[in-house]
Amino acid sequence: MLYGFCLQAGLGVALWMLARLGRTALAAPWLVIVGALCGNLGYAVGVLGVLSGGGTGFENLEMPAYAASLVFLGYLMMAFWGVQTFHQRQERQLYASQWFLFAALFWFPWIYSTANLLLQPFGMRGMAQAVIAWWYSQNLLGVWLGLVGLAGYLLLCAQAHRPGIAQPLLALLAFWMLILLVALAASRRLRPCRRGCRH
């Protein structure tokens, strides 16, 4: 659900919105399709790897390293052409939705590559594994999906001729608060229970 639908749907919406808001065509659409096929191949190989016992055991990072590499490569190809679409836009005015989408295009490769490198090739041990897996999961579910979801919400509000966020300064505040504070808001998951309860 997370990789097979949410990530792909979010990336598709991001590319469509960047082209629409910029009043331009998607840059190199056939290379975007190649990236999507590479990502889908990575998902299929990852599912087969997990089903055959090759899963990593980390939450939201279960795919083996060989499948994660294909997913990462596919995403990078699509995100690169998304950035190119943003660069060649005809509409020079920037909307708040574009801030959110542009940040999302960079956010996933950073968190995915960092978590996979630290957990698999470098093989962090002990509590560091749980912290890295938690950090990745919170950033993916909170920040990346939040950025794409808020961008979609703002576009829907604009289509309905209703202000999603009334002032640009509030949109800027929402942008930075989402990026900087979402992972901290969920930090209670790492606190030990002092009353002897079980999680």
N, C-alpha and C. Protein backbone atom coordinates (compact mmCIF):
# COMPACT_ATOMS: atom_id res chain seq x y z
N MET A 1 0.82 -1.20 0.00
CA MET A 1 0.00 0.00 0.00
C MET A 1 0.86 1.26 0.00
N LEU A 2 1.89 1.26 0.85
CA LEU A 2 2.71 2.46 0.98
C LEU A 2 3.52 2.73 -0.28
N TYR A 3 4.23 1.69 -0.77
CA TYR A 3 5.07 1.88 -1.96
C TYR A 3 4.29 1.66 -3.25
N GLY A 4 3.45 0.65 -3.26
CA GLY A 4 2.73 0.32 -4.50
C GLY A 4 1.67 1.33 -4.88
N PHE A 5 1.09 2.03 -3.88
CA PHE A 5 0.06 3.02 -4.20
C PHE A 5 0.45 4.44 -3.77
N CYS A 6 0.69 4.64 -2.47
CA CYS A 6 0.87 6.01 -1.95
C CYS A 6 2.04 6.73 -2.61
N LEU A 7 3.20 6.05 -2.67
CA LEU A 7 4.38 6.70 -3.24
C LEU A 7 4.19 6.99 -4.72
N GLN A 8 3.65 6.03 -5.45
CA GLN A 8 3.47 6.23 -6.89
C GLN A 8 2.38 7.26 -7.18
N ALA A 9 1.27 7.19 -6.44
CA ALA A 9 0.21 8.17 -6.66
C ALA A 9 0.69 9.57 -6.29
N GLY A 10 1.42 9.68 -5.18
CA GLY A 10 1.94 10.99 -4.78
C GLY A 10 2.90 11.56 -5.80
N LEU A 11 3.77 10.72 -6.33
CA LEU A 11 4.71 11.19 -7.34
C LEU A 11 4.00 11.56 -8.64
N GLY A 12 3.00 10.77 -9.02
CA GLY A 12 2.22 11.11 -10.22
C GLY A 12 1.49 12.43 -10.07
N VAL A 13 0.87 12.64 -8.91
CA VAL A 13 0.18 13.91 -8.65
C VAL A 13 1.18 15.06 -8.65
N ALA A 14 2.36 14.85 -8.07
CA ALA A 14 3.37 15.90 -8.03
C ALA A 14 3.81 16.30 -9.44
N LEU A 15 4.07 15.32 -10.30
CA LEU A 15 4.50 15.64 -11.67
C LEU A 15 3.38 16.35 -12.43
N TRP A 16 2.16 15.88 -12.27
CA TRP A 16 1.03 16.51 -12.96
C TRP A 16 0.85 17.95 -12.50
N MET A 17 0.93 18.17 -11.17
CA MET A 17 0.72 19.52 -10.65
C MET A 17 1.85 20.47 -11.04
N LEU A 18 3.09 19.97 -11.07
CA LEU A 18 4.20 20.84 -11.48
C LEU A 18 4.03 21.28 -12.93
N ALA A 19 3.57 20.36 -13.78
CA ALA A 19 3.34 20.73 -15.18
C ALA A 19 2.15 21.68 -15.31
N ARG A 20 1.08 21.40 -14.57
CA ARG A 20 -0.13 22.22 -14.69
C ARG A 20 0.07 23.62 -14.13
N LEU A 21 0.65 23.71 -12.93
CA LEU A 21 0.85 25.02 -12.32
C LEU A 21 1.90 25.85 -13.06
N GLY A 22 2.86 25.17 -13.69
CA GLY A 22 3.87 25.88 -14.46
C GLY A 22 3.46 26.17 -15.89
N ARG A 23 2.28 25.66 -16.28
CA ARG A 23 1.77 25.84 -17.65
C ARG A 23 2.79 25.38 -18.68
N THR A 24 3.26 24.18 -18.49
CA THR A 24 4.23 23.61 -19.42
C THR A 24 3.97 22.11 -19.53
N ALA A 25 4.59 21.50 -20.52
CA ALA A 25 4.47 20.05 -20.68
C ALA A 25 5.51 19.35 -19.79
N LEU A 26 5.22 18.13 -19.45
CA LEU A 26 6.16 17.34 -18.65
C LEU A 26 7.44 17.12 -19.44
N ALA A 27 8.56 17.40 -18.83
CA ALA A 27 9.85 17.23 -19.51
C ALA A 27 10.15 15.74 -19.69
N ALA A 28 10.50 15.35 -20.91
CA ALA A 28 10.89 13.98 -21.26
C ALA A 28 9.94 12.94 -20.68
N PRO A 29 8.67 12.94 -21.13
CA PRO A 29 7.70 12.00 -20.55
C PRO A 29 8.09 10.53 -20.74
N TRP A 30 8.80 10.20 -21.80
CA TRP A 30 9.17 8.79 -22.00
C TRP A 30 10.21 8.35 -20.98
N LEU A 31 11.07 9.28 -20.52
CA LEU A 31 12.02 8.92 -19.47
C LEU A 31 11.33 8.80 -18.10
N VAL A 32 10.27 9.57 -17.91
CA VAL A 32 9.47 9.40 -16.70
C VAL A 32 8.82 8.02 -16.69
N ILE A 33 8.35 7.57 -17.86
CA ILE A 33 7.76 6.23 -17.97
C ILE A 33 8.81 5.16 -17.69
N VAL A 34 10.03 5.35 -18.20
CA VAL A 34 11.12 4.40 -17.92
C VAL A 34 11.40 4.36 -16.42
N GLY A 35 11.41 5.52 -15.77
CA GLY A 35 11.61 5.56 -14.33
C GLY A 35 10.51 4.85 -13.57
N ALA A 36 9.25 5.04 -14.03
CA ALA A 36 8.12 4.36 -13.38
C ALA A 36 8.22 2.85 -13.55
N LEU A 37 8.64 2.40 -14.74
CA LEU A 37 8.81 0.96 -14.96
C LEU A 37 9.93 0.39 -14.10
N CYS A 38 11.01 1.15 -13.97
CA CYS A 38 12.12 0.71 -13.11
C CYS A 38 11.67 0.62 -11.66
N GLY A 39 10.91 1.61 -11.20
CA GLY A 39 10.39 1.58 -9.83
C GLY A 39 9.45 0.41 -9.62
N ASN A 40 8.56 0.16 -10.58
CA ASN A 40 7.62 -0.96 -10.46
C ASN A 40 8.35 -2.30 -10.47
N LEU A 41 9.40 -2.40 -11.28
CA LEU A 41 10.21 -3.62 -11.26
C LEU A 41 10.84 -3.81 -9.88
N GLY A 42 11.32 -2.71 -9.29
CA GLY A 42 11.89 -2.78 -7.95
C GLY A 42 10.87 -3.21 -6.92
N TYR A 43 9.63 -2.71 -7.02
CA TYR A 43 8.58 -3.13 -6.09
C TYR A 43 8.29 -4.62 -6.23
N ALA A 44 8.19 -5.09 -7.49
CA ALA A 44 7.89 -6.51 -7.71
C ALA A 44 9.02 -7.39 -7.18
N VAL A 45 10.26 -7.02 -7.49
CA VAL A 45 11.41 -7.79 -6.99
C VAL A 45 11.46 -7.73 -5.47
N GLY A 46 11.13 -6.58 -4.90
CA GLY A 46 11.14 -6.44 -3.44
C GLY A 46 10.10 -7.32 -2.77
N VAL A 47 8.89 -7.37 -3.35
CA VAL A 47 7.85 -8.23 -2.78
C VAL A 47 8.27 -9.69 -2.86
N LEU A 48 8.81 -10.10 -4.00
CA LEU A 48 9.28 -11.48 -4.14
C LEU A 48 10.42 -11.77 -3.17
N GLY A 49 11.32 -10.80 -2.98
CA GLY A 49 12.41 -10.99 -2.03
C GLY A 49 11.92 -11.14 -0.60
N VAL A 50 10.93 -10.34 -0.22
CA VAL A 50 10.37 -10.45 1.14
C VAL A 50 9.66 -11.78 1.31
N LEU A 51 8.87 -12.18 0.30
CA LEU A 51 8.14 -13.44 0.39
C LEU A 51 9.07 -14.65 0.42
N SER A 52 10.25 -14.52 -0.17
CA SER A 52 11.21 -15.64 -0.16
C SER A 52 12.12 -15.61 1.07
N GLY A 53 11.87 -14.71 2.00
CA GLY A 53 12.64 -14.67 3.24
C GLY A 53 13.81 -13.72 3.24
N GLY A 54 13.90 -12.84 2.25
CA GLY A 54 15.03 -11.93 2.17
C GLY A 54 14.74 -10.54 2.70
N GLY A 55 13.64 -10.37 3.44
CA GLY A 55 13.29 -9.06 3.97
C GLY A 55 14.27 -8.59 5.03
N THR A 56 14.33 -7.30 5.22
CA THR A 56 15.28 -6.73 6.18
C THR A 56 14.73 -6.73 7.60
N GLY A 57 13.42 -6.71 7.76
CA GLY A 57 12.82 -6.68 9.08
C GLY A 57 12.62 -5.28 9.65
N PHE A 58 12.96 -4.25 8.90
CA PHE A 58 12.78 -2.88 9.36
C PHE A 58 11.45 -2.34 8.85
N GLU A 59 10.73 -1.64 9.73
CA GLU A 59 9.42 -1.13 9.36
C GLU A 59 9.52 -0.16 8.20
N ASN A 60 8.71 -0.41 7.18
CA ASN A 60 8.64 0.39 5.95
C ASN A 60 9.92 0.34 5.12
N LEU A 61 10.87 -0.50 5.49
CA LEU A 61 12.10 -0.70 4.71
C LEU A 61 12.37 -2.19 4.55
N GLU A 62 11.32 -2.97 4.33
CA GLU A 62 11.46 -4.42 4.30
C GLU A 62 12.19 -4.95 3.07
N MET A 63 12.19 -4.19 1.97
CA MET A 63 12.75 -4.69 0.72
C MET A 63 14.26 -4.90 0.81
N PRO A 64 14.76 -5.99 0.21
CA PRO A 64 16.20 -6.22 0.19
C PRO A 64 16.94 -5.12 -0.57
N ALA A 65 18.25 -5.04 -0.39
CA ALA A 65 19.04 -3.95 -0.97
C ALA A 65 18.96 -3.92 -2.49
N TYR A 66 18.94 -5.09 -3.14
CA TYR A 66 18.90 -5.09 -4.62
C TYR A 66 17.59 -4.51 -5.13
N ALA A 67 16.48 -4.73 -4.44
CA ALA A 67 15.20 -4.15 -4.85
C ALA A 67 15.15 -2.67 -4.50
N ALA A 68 15.70 -2.30 -3.34
CA ALA A 68 15.71 -0.90 -2.93
C ALA A 68 16.49 -0.05 -3.92
N SER A 69 17.54 -0.61 -4.51
CA SER A 69 18.33 0.13 -5.52
C SER A 69 17.49 0.44 -6.75
N LEU A 70 16.67 -0.52 -7.19
CA LEU A 70 15.81 -0.28 -8.35
C LEU A 70 14.75 0.76 -8.04
N VAL A 71 14.16 0.68 -6.84
CA VAL A 71 13.15 1.67 -6.44
C VAL A 71 13.77 3.06 -6.41
N PHE A 72 14.96 3.16 -5.83
CA PHE A 72 15.64 4.45 -5.72
C PHE A 72 15.98 5.01 -7.10
N LEU A 73 16.47 4.18 -7.98
CA LEU A 73 16.81 4.62 -9.33
C LEU A 73 15.57 5.09 -10.08
N GLY A 74 14.48 4.34 -9.99
CA GLY A 74 13.24 4.74 -10.65
C GLY A 74 12.71 6.06 -10.13
N TYR A 75 12.75 6.25 -8.80
CA TYR A 75 12.28 7.51 -8.23
C TYR A 75 13.17 8.66 -8.68
N LEU A 76 14.48 8.46 -8.67
CA LEU A 76 15.39 9.53 -9.08
C LEU A 76 15.14 9.97 -10.52
N MET A 77 14.87 9.01 -11.40
CA MET A 77 14.60 9.36 -12.79
C MET A 77 13.34 10.22 -12.90
N MET A 78 12.29 9.83 -12.18
CA MET A 78 11.05 10.60 -12.25
C MET A 78 11.21 11.97 -11.58
N ALA A 79 11.89 12.00 -10.44
CA ALA A 79 12.07 13.27 -9.72
C ALA A 79 12.94 14.24 -10.52
N PHE A 80 13.97 13.71 -11.20
CA PHE A 80 14.83 14.58 -11.99
C PHE A 80 14.04 15.30 -13.08
N TRP A 81 13.17 14.55 -13.75
CA TRP A 81 12.39 15.19 -14.81
C TRP A 81 11.28 16.06 -14.24
N GLY A 82 10.88 15.80 -13.00
CA GLY A 82 9.97 16.72 -12.32
C GLY A 82 10.64 18.06 -12.05
N VAL A 83 11.91 18.01 -11.62
CA VAL A 83 12.67 19.24 -11.39
C VAL A 83 12.88 19.98 -12.71
N GLN A 84 13.14 19.24 -13.79
CA GLN A 84 13.29 19.87 -15.10
C GLN A 84 11.99 20.54 -15.55
N THR A 85 10.87 19.89 -15.28
CA THR A 85 9.57 20.48 -15.61
C THR A 85 9.37 21.77 -14.83
N PHE A 86 9.73 21.76 -13.55
CA PHE A 86 9.63 22.96 -12.73
C PHE A 86 10.52 24.07 -13.29
N HIS A 87 11.71 23.71 -13.74
CA HIS A 87 12.67 24.70 -14.25
C HIS A 87 12.19 25.35 -15.56
N GLN A 88 11.54 24.58 -16.43
CA GLN A 88 11.14 25.11 -17.73
C GLN A 88 9.70 25.65 -17.73
N ARG A 89 9.14 25.92 -16.57
CA ARG A 89 7.76 26.40 -16.48
C ARG A 89 7.61 27.75 -17.19
N GLN A 90 6.42 27.95 -17.74
CA GLN A 90 6.10 29.23 -18.39
C GLN A 90 5.55 30.24 -17.38
N GLU A 91 4.81 29.74 -16.41
CA GLU A 91 4.25 30.60 -15.36
C GLU A 91 5.34 30.82 -14.32
N ARG A 92 5.87 32.02 -14.24
CA ARG A 92 7.02 32.29 -13.35
C ARG A 92 6.60 32.51 -11.90
N GLN A 93 5.34 32.84 -11.67
CA GLN A 93 4.89 33.01 -10.29
C GLN A 93 4.89 31.66 -9.58
N LEU A 94 5.40 31.63 -8.36
CA LEU A 94 5.43 30.39 -7.59
C LEU A 94 4.23 30.34 -6.66
N TYR A 95 3.60 29.19 -6.62
CA TYR A 95 2.49 28.95 -5.71
C TYR A 95 2.98 28.12 -4.54
N ALA A 96 2.23 28.18 -3.44
CA ALA A 96 2.61 27.41 -2.26
C ALA A 96 2.66 25.91 -2.57
N SER A 97 1.77 25.43 -3.43
CA SER A 97 1.77 24.01 -3.80
C SER A 97 3.10 23.61 -4.41
N GLN A 98 3.68 24.50 -5.20
CA GLN A 98 4.96 24.19 -5.82
C GLN A 98 6.09 24.10 -4.80
N TRP A 99 6.03 24.89 -3.74
CA TRP A 99 7.05 24.76 -2.69
C TRP A 99 6.99 23.37 -2.09
N PHE A 100 5.77 22.94 -1.75
CA PHE A 100 5.59 21.64 -1.11
C PHE A 100 6.05 20.51 -2.03
N LEU A 101 5.68 20.59 -3.30
CA LEU A 101 6.04 19.52 -4.24
C LEU A 101 7.54 19.47 -4.51
N PHE A 102 8.14 20.63 -4.67
CA PHE A 102 9.57 20.68 -4.95
C PHE A 102 10.37 20.10 -3.78
N ALA A 103 9.95 20.43 -2.56
CA ALA A 103 10.62 19.86 -1.38
C ALA A 103 10.41 18.36 -1.31
N ALA A 104 9.22 17.88 -1.66
CA ALA A 104 8.93 16.44 -1.62
C ALA A 104 9.81 15.68 -2.61
N LEU A 105 10.07 16.27 -3.78
CA LEU A 105 10.91 15.58 -4.77
C LEU A 105 12.30 15.31 -4.23
N PHE A 106 12.81 16.19 -3.38
CA PHE A 106 14.15 15.99 -2.81
C PHE A 106 14.11 15.20 -1.50
N TRP A 107 13.00 15.26 -0.80
CA TRP A 107 12.93 14.66 0.53
C TRP A 107 13.06 13.14 0.49
N PHE A 108 12.30 12.50 -0.41
CA PHE A 108 12.31 11.04 -0.44
C PHE A 108 13.68 10.46 -0.78
N PRO A 109 14.38 10.93 -1.83
CA PRO A 109 15.70 10.35 -2.10
C PRO A 109 16.66 10.50 -0.93
N TRP A 110 16.58 11.62 -0.23
CA TRP A 110 17.48 11.83 0.91
C TRP A 110 17.20 10.83 2.02
N ILE A 111 15.94 10.72 2.45
CA ILE A 111 15.65 9.84 3.59
C ILE A 111 15.80 8.37 3.20
N TYR A 112 15.41 8.01 1.98
CA TYR A 112 15.47 6.60 1.54
C TYR A 112 16.90 6.13 1.40
N SER A 113 17.74 6.94 0.77
CA SER A 113 19.14 6.54 0.59
C SER A 113 19.88 6.51 1.92
N THR A 114 19.63 7.50 2.77
CA THR A 114 20.30 7.54 4.07
C THR A 114 19.95 6.33 4.92
N ALA A 115 18.65 6.05 5.03
CA ALA A 115 18.22 4.92 5.85
C ALA A 115 18.73 3.59 5.29
N ASN A 116 18.63 3.41 3.98
CA ASN A 116 19.09 2.14 3.40
C ASN A 116 20.59 1.96 3.54
N LEU A 117 21.36 3.02 3.33
CA LEU A 117 22.82 2.90 3.46
C LEU A 117 23.23 2.61 4.90
N LEU A 118 22.60 3.28 5.85
CA LEU A 118 22.99 3.07 7.25
C LEU A 118 22.54 1.71 7.78
N LEU A 119 21.42 1.19 7.28
CA LEU A 119 20.92 -0.07 7.82
C LEU A 119 21.46 -1.29 7.10
N GLN A 120 21.77 -1.17 5.80
CA GLN A 120 22.16 -2.38 5.08
C GLN A 120 23.67 -2.45 4.79
N PRO A 121 24.25 -1.62 3.94
CA PRO A 121 25.69 -1.80 3.68
C PRO A 121 26.56 -1.49 4.89
N PHE A 122 26.26 -0.40 5.61
CA PHE A 122 27.10 -0.03 6.74
C PHE A 122 26.75 -0.81 7.99
N GLY A 123 25.57 -1.40 8.03
CA GLY A 123 25.18 -2.31 9.09
C GLY A 123 25.26 -1.74 10.50
N MET A 124 24.54 -0.65 10.74
CA MET A 124 24.48 -0.12 12.11
C MET A 124 23.91 -1.19 13.03
N ARG A 125 24.33 -1.18 14.29
CA ARG A 125 23.94 -2.22 15.24
C ARG A 125 23.13 -1.64 16.40
N GLY A 126 22.42 -2.51 17.06
CA GLY A 126 21.75 -2.17 18.31
C GLY A 126 20.64 -1.15 18.16
N MET A 127 20.56 -0.27 19.14
CA MET A 127 19.50 0.72 19.20
C MET A 127 19.53 1.67 18.00
N ALA A 128 20.70 1.87 17.41
CA ALA A 128 20.80 2.77 16.25
C ALA A 128 19.91 2.28 15.11
N GLN A 129 19.76 0.97 14.94
CA GLN A 129 18.88 0.46 13.89
C GLN A 129 17.44 0.91 14.09
N ALA A 130 16.97 0.79 15.33
CA ALA A 130 15.58 1.18 15.62
C ALA A 130 15.38 2.68 15.41
N VAL A 131 16.36 3.47 15.81
CA VAL A 131 16.24 4.92 15.66
C VAL A 131 16.22 5.31 14.18
N ILE A 132 17.10 4.72 13.39
CA ILE A 132 17.16 5.04 11.95
C ILE A 132 15.88 4.61 11.25
N ALA A 133 15.40 3.40 11.55
CA ALA A 133 14.15 2.93 10.94
C ALA A 133 12.98 3.82 11.35
N TRP A 134 12.94 4.23 12.61
CA TRP A 134 11.87 5.11 13.08
C TRP A 134 11.95 6.47 12.39
N TRP A 135 13.17 7.01 12.29
CA TRP A 135 13.38 8.32 11.64
C TRP A 135 12.89 8.28 10.19
N TYR A 136 13.25 7.22 9.47
CA TYR A 136 12.82 7.10 8.09
C TYR A 136 11.30 7.01 7.99
N SER A 137 10.72 6.16 8.83
CA SER A 137 9.28 5.95 8.78
C SER A 137 8.51 7.23 9.07
N GLN A 138 8.94 7.99 10.08
CA GLN A 138 8.26 9.24 10.42
C GLN A 138 8.42 10.28 9.31
N ASN A 139 9.58 10.32 8.69
CA ASN A 139 9.79 11.28 7.60
C ASN A 139 8.98 10.90 6.37
N LEU A 140 8.87 9.62 6.08
CA LEU A 140 8.10 9.19 4.92
C LEU A 140 6.62 9.46 5.13
N LEU A 141 6.09 9.00 6.26
CA LEU A 141 4.66 9.11 6.51
C LEU A 141 4.24 10.53 6.88
N GLY A 142 5.07 11.23 7.64
CA GLY A 142 4.70 12.56 8.09
C GLY A 142 5.09 13.67 7.14
N VAL A 143 6.36 13.68 6.76
CA VAL A 143 6.84 14.82 5.96
C VAL A 143 6.54 14.62 4.48
N TRP A 144 6.98 13.50 3.89
CA TRP A 144 6.82 13.34 2.44
C TRP A 144 5.34 13.29 2.06
N LEU A 145 4.57 12.42 2.72
CA LEU A 145 3.14 12.34 2.40
C LEU A 145 2.42 13.63 2.79
N GLY A 146 2.90 14.29 3.85
CA GLY A 146 2.31 15.57 4.24
C GLY A 146 2.54 16.64 3.20
N LEU A 147 3.76 16.71 2.66
CA LEU A 147 4.06 17.71 1.63
C LEU A 147 3.19 17.51 0.39
N VAL A 148 3.11 16.27 -0.08
CA VAL A 148 2.31 15.99 -1.28
C VAL A 148 0.82 16.20 -0.99
N GLY A 149 0.38 15.75 0.18
CA GLY A 149 -1.03 15.90 0.52
C GLY A 149 -1.45 17.36 0.66
N LEU A 150 -0.63 18.18 1.30
CA LEU A 150 -0.95 19.60 1.43
C LEU A 150 -0.94 20.31 0.08
N ALA A 151 -0.01 19.92 -0.79
CA ALA A 151 0.01 20.51 -2.13
C ALA A 151 -1.28 20.18 -2.88
N GLY A 152 -1.73 18.94 -2.78
CA GLY A 152 -2.98 18.55 -3.41
C GLY A 152 -4.17 19.29 -2.83
N TYR A 153 -4.17 19.45 -1.51
CA TYR A 153 -5.25 20.20 -0.84
C TYR A 153 -5.30 21.65 -1.32
N LEU A 154 -4.14 22.28 -1.43
CA LEU A 154 -4.11 23.67 -1.87
C LEU A 154 -4.60 23.81 -3.31
N LEU A 155 -4.28 22.82 -4.16
CA LEU A 155 -4.76 22.88 -5.53
C LEU A 155 -6.28 22.70 -5.58
N LEU A 156 -6.81 21.77 -4.77
CA LEU A 156 -8.26 21.59 -4.74
C LEU A 156 -8.97 22.85 -4.26
N CYS A 157 -8.39 23.51 -3.27
CA CYS A 157 -8.98 24.77 -2.79
C CYS A 157 -8.96 25.83 -3.88
N ALA A 158 -7.87 25.89 -4.63
CA ALA A 158 -7.78 26.87 -5.72
C ALA A 158 -8.81 26.57 -6.80
N GLN A 159 -9.04 25.29 -7.10
CA GLN A 159 -10.04 24.92 -8.12
C GLN A 159 -11.45 25.27 -7.67
N ALA A 160 -11.67 25.18 -6.36
CA ALA A 160 -12.99 25.51 -5.82
C ALA A 160 -13.13 27.01 -5.54
N HIS A 161 -12.11 27.80 -5.88
CA HIS A 161 -12.09 29.24 -5.65
C HIS A 161 -12.29 29.60 -4.17
N ARG A 162 -11.65 28.80 -3.32
CA ARG A 162 -11.66 29.06 -1.88
C ARG A 162 -10.22 29.09 -1.40
N PRO A 163 -9.90 29.98 -0.52
CA PRO A 163 -8.50 30.03 -0.06
C PRO A 163 -8.17 28.84 0.84
N GLY A 164 -7.17 28.06 0.45
CA GLY A 164 -6.72 26.96 1.30
C GLY A 164 -5.98 27.50 2.50
N ILE A 165 -5.04 28.38 2.25
CA ILE A 165 -4.33 29.11 3.29
C ILE A 165 -4.43 30.57 2.88
N ALA A 166 -5.03 31.38 3.74
CA ALA A 166 -5.44 32.73 3.34
C ALA A 166 -4.27 33.63 2.96
N GLN A 167 -3.13 33.51 3.63
CA GLN A 167 -2.02 34.42 3.37
C GLN A 167 -0.76 33.63 3.01
N PRO A 168 0.05 34.18 2.12
CA PRO A 168 1.29 33.50 1.75
C PRO A 168 2.22 33.25 2.94
N LEU A 169 2.23 34.16 3.91
CA LEU A 169 3.09 33.97 5.08
C LEU A 169 2.65 32.76 5.90
N LEU A 170 1.34 32.50 5.96
CA LEU A 170 0.85 31.32 6.67
C LEU A 170 1.25 30.05 5.92
N ALA A 171 1.25 30.10 4.59
CA ALA A 171 1.69 28.95 3.80
C ALA A 171 3.17 28.68 4.04
N LEU A 172 3.95 29.74 4.11
CA LEU A 172 5.38 29.58 4.39
C LEU A 172 5.60 29.00 5.79
N LEU A 173 4.84 29.48 6.75
CA LEU A 173 4.93 28.95 8.11
C LEU A 173 4.55 27.47 8.15
N ALA A 174 3.47 27.10 7.46
CA ALA A 174 3.06 25.70 7.40
C ALA A 174 4.13 24.84 6.75
N PHE A 175 4.76 25.35 5.71
CA PHE A 175 5.82 24.62 5.01
C PHE A 175 6.97 24.30 5.95
N TRP A 176 7.49 25.31 6.66
CA TRP A 176 8.64 25.09 7.53
C TRP A 176 8.28 24.30 8.79
N MET A 177 7.08 24.51 9.30
CA MET A 177 6.69 23.73 10.48
C MET A 177 6.55 22.26 10.13
N LEU A 178 6.02 21.97 8.95
CA LEU A 178 5.90 20.57 8.53
C LEU A 178 7.27 19.93 8.39
N ILE A 179 8.18 20.62 7.74
CA ILE A 179 9.50 20.05 7.51
C ILE A 179 10.30 19.90 8.80
N LEU A 180 10.23 20.89 9.68
CA LEU A 180 11.09 20.89 10.86
C LEU A 180 10.49 20.19 12.07
N LEU A 181 9.18 20.17 12.20
CA LEU A 181 8.60 19.74 13.46
C LEU A 181 7.84 18.42 13.43
N VAL A 182 7.54 17.87 12.26
CA VAL A 182 6.73 16.65 12.23
C VAL A 182 7.44 15.48 12.90
N ALA A 183 8.71 15.29 12.62
CA ALA A 183 9.42 14.17 13.24
C ALA A 183 9.52 14.35 14.75
N LEU A 184 9.66 15.59 15.20
CA LEU A 184 9.74 15.83 16.64
C LEU A 184 8.41 15.58 17.33
N ALA A 185 7.31 15.85 16.64
CA ALA A 185 5.99 15.66 17.24
C ALA A 185 5.71 14.21 17.56
N ALA A 186 6.33 13.30 16.82
CA ALA A 186 6.11 11.88 17.06
C ALA A 186 7.19 11.26 17.93
N SER A 187 8.02 12.06 18.57
CA SER A 187 9.14 11.51 19.34
C SER A 187 8.71 10.73 20.58
N ARG A 188 7.45 10.81 20.96
CA ARG A 188 6.99 10.05 22.12
C ARG A 188 7.10 8.56 21.89
N ARG A 189 7.14 8.12 20.63
CA ARG A 189 7.25 6.68 20.36
C ARG A 189 8.55 6.10 20.86
N LEU A 190 9.59 6.92 20.98
CA LEU A 190 10.88 6.40 21.43
C LEU A 190 11.07 6.49 22.93
N ARG A 191 10.18 7.16 23.64
CA ARG A 191 10.35 7.30 25.07
C ARG A 191 10.02 5.99 25.78
N PRO A 192 10.81 5.59 26.74
CA PRO A 192 10.48 4.38 27.49
C PRO A 192 9.27 4.62 28.39
N CYS A 193 8.51 3.59 28.61
CA CYS A 193 7.34 3.70 29.47
C CYS A 193 7.78 3.59 30.92
N ARG A 194 7.42 4.58 31.73
CA ARG A 194 7.90 4.61 33.11
C ARG A 194 6.97 3.90 34.07
N ARG A 195 5.79 3.48 33.60
CA ARG A 195 4.84 2.86 34.51
C ARG A 195 4.81 1.35 34.37
N GLY A 196 5.77 0.80 33.68
CA GLY A 196 5.84 -0.65 33.54
C GLY A 196 4.85 -1.20 32.52
N CYS A 197 4.27 -0.32 31.68
CA CYS A 197 3.31 -0.80 30.69
C CYS A 197 4.04 -1.35 29.48
N ARG A 198 3.33 -2.10 28.69
CA ARG A 198 3.93 -2.70 27.50
C ARG A 198 3.42 -1.97 26.26
N HIS A 199 4.32 -1.79 25.30
CA HIS A 199 3.92 -1.16 24.02
C HIS A 199 3.71 -2.25 23.01
